[in-house]
């Protein structure tokens, strides 16, 4: 009731002024949120592109792929021999205990 009798110099009621202020505040908040949404969208795109790497390289801090030296044929063959021995040893050692576990 009191608000109806209080008028601003422009002739608007104080209640009307409050409604205008809320609307302005909401528009400003919406603008800020839209700006933040765009920023987040750019960050999501950057992360997705980083995840899309095919494993051929690793991203460095600057976002570039790090060059890796390939293995020579001799080194590859040596690794193959070591792995073959490793798996043969594991297979030989696993025969005894795995049968005991299966029987229990």
Protein backbone atom coordinates (compact mmCIF):
# COMPACT_ATOMS: atom_id res chain seq x y z
CA UNK A 1 0.00 0.00 0.00
CA UNK A 2 2.74 2.42 0.93
CA UNK A 3 4.56 1.72 -2.36
CA UNK A 4 1.54 2.91 -4.32
CA UNK A 5 1.76 6.31 -2.74
CA UNK A 6 5.53 6.66 -3.30
CA UNK A 7 6.28 7.81 -6.80
CA UNK A 8 9.60 8.58 -8.37
CA UNK A 9 10.25 11.80 -10.20
CA UNK A 10 9.68 9.95 -13.46
CA UNK A 11 6.17 9.08 -12.30
CA UNK A 12 6.78 5.32 -11.97
CA UNK A 13 5.85 3.41 -8.88
CA UNK A 14 8.71 2.05 -6.79
CA UNK A 15 7.47 -1.52 -7.40
CA UNK A 16 7.80 -0.99 -11.16
CA UNK A 17 11.38 0.25 -10.71
CA UNK A 18 12.25 -2.85 -8.72
CA UNK A 19 10.87 -5.08 -11.48
CA UNK A 20 13.01 -3.25 -14.05
CA UNK A 21 16.14 -3.62 -11.89
CA UNK A 22 15.55 -7.38 -11.50
CA UNK A 23 15.09 -7.77 -15.23
CA UNK A 24 18.30 -5.87 -15.93
CA UNK A 25 20.21 -7.97 -13.39
CA UNK A 26 18.88 -11.19 -14.89
CA UNK A 27 19.89 -10.11 -18.40
CA UNK A 28 23.40 -9.29 -17.17
CA UNK A 29 23.66 -12.67 -15.44
CA UNK A 30 22.47 -14.42 -18.59
CA UNK A 31 25.09 -12.61 -20.68
CA UNK A 32 27.84 -13.62 -18.25
CA UNK A 33 26.68 -17.24 -18.26
CA UNK A 34 26.54 -17.35 -22.07
CA UNK A 35 30.11 -15.99 -22.22
CA UNK A 36 31.26 -18.59 -19.71
CA UNK A 37 29.46 -21.30 -21.70
CA UNK A 38 31.37 -20.33 -24.84
CA UNK A 39 34.66 -20.45 -22.91
CA UNK A 40 33.81 -23.88 -21.51
CA UNK A 41 32.88 -25.05 -25.01
CA UNK A 42 36.31 -24.05 -26.29
CA UNK A 43 37.96 -25.93 -23.44
CA UNK A 44 35.88 -29.03 -24.16
CA UNK A 45 36.88 -28.89 -27.82
CA UNK A 46 40.56 -28.64 -26.87
CA UNK A 47 40.29 -31.65 -24.55
CA UNK A 48 38.42 -33.68 -27.17
CA UNK A 49 41.07 -32.93 -29.79
CA UNK A 50 43.79 -33.99 -27.33
CA UNK A 51 41.95 -37.25 -26.70
CA UNK A 52 41.58 -37.85 -30.44
CA UNK A 53 45.30 -38.46 -30.87
CA UNK A 54 45.90 -41.83 -32.45
CA UNK A 55 48.70 -42.69 -30.03
CA UNK A 56 51.43 -41.90 -32.54
CA UNK A 57 52.73 -39.10 -30.36
CA UNK A 58 52.39 -37.54 -26.96
CA UNK A 59 51.26 -33.96 -26.42
CA UNK A 60 53.81 -31.69 -24.87
CA UNK A 61 53.00 -28.53 -22.94
CA UNK A 62 52.82 -26.53 -26.14
CA UNK A 63 50.30 -28.99 -27.57
CA UNK A 64 52.68 -30.40 -30.17
CA UNK A 65 53.52 -34.04 -30.69
CA UNK A 66 56.86 -35.17 -29.35
CA UNK A 67 59.01 -37.02 -31.85
CA UNK A 68 59.87 -40.60 -30.91
CA UNK A 69 62.71 -42.55 -32.36
CA UNK A 70 61.74 -45.88 -33.82
CA UNK A 71 63.39 -49.16 -32.86
CA UNK A 72 66.00 -50.61 -35.12
CA UNK A 73 65.34 -54.11 -36.46
CA UNK A 74 68.11 -55.50 -34.23
CA UNK A 75 66.61 -53.88 -31.12
CA UNK A 76 63.16 -55.17 -32.02
CA UNK A 77 64.55 -58.69 -32.44
CA UNK A 78 66.34 -58.49 -29.07
CA UNK A 79 63.11 -57.40 -27.35
CA UNK A 80 61.28 -60.26 -29.05
CA UNK A 81 63.83 -62.79 -27.74
CA UNK A 82 63.58 -61.43 -24.21
CA UNK A 83 59.78 -61.51 -24.26
CA UNK A 84 59.74 -65.04 -25.65
CA UNK A 85 62.00 -66.19 -22.79
CA UNK A 86 59.89 -64.27 -20.27
CA UNK A 87 56.63 -65.90 -21.37
CA UNK A 88 58.21 -69.36 -21.59
CA UNK A 89 59.43 -68.98 -18.01
CA UNK A 90 56.00 -67.82 -16.83
CA UNK A 91 54.26 -70.65 -18.65
CA UNK A 92 56.65 -73.24 -17.19
CA UNK A 93 56.26 -71.85 -13.67
CA UNK A 94 52.47 -71.61 -13.91
CA UNK A 95 51.85 -75.29 -14.73
CA UNK A 96 52.29 -76.63 -11.19
CA UNK A 97 50.37 -74.14 -9.01
CA UNK A 98 47.46 -73.64 -11.42
CA UNK A 99 46.62 -77.36 -11.33
CA UNK A 100 46.65 -77.32 -7.55
CA UNK A 101 44.28 -74.39 -7.44
CA UNK A 102 41.92 -75.99 -9.97
CA UNK A 103 41.74 -79.22 -7.91
CA UNK A 104 40.69 -77.40 -4.75
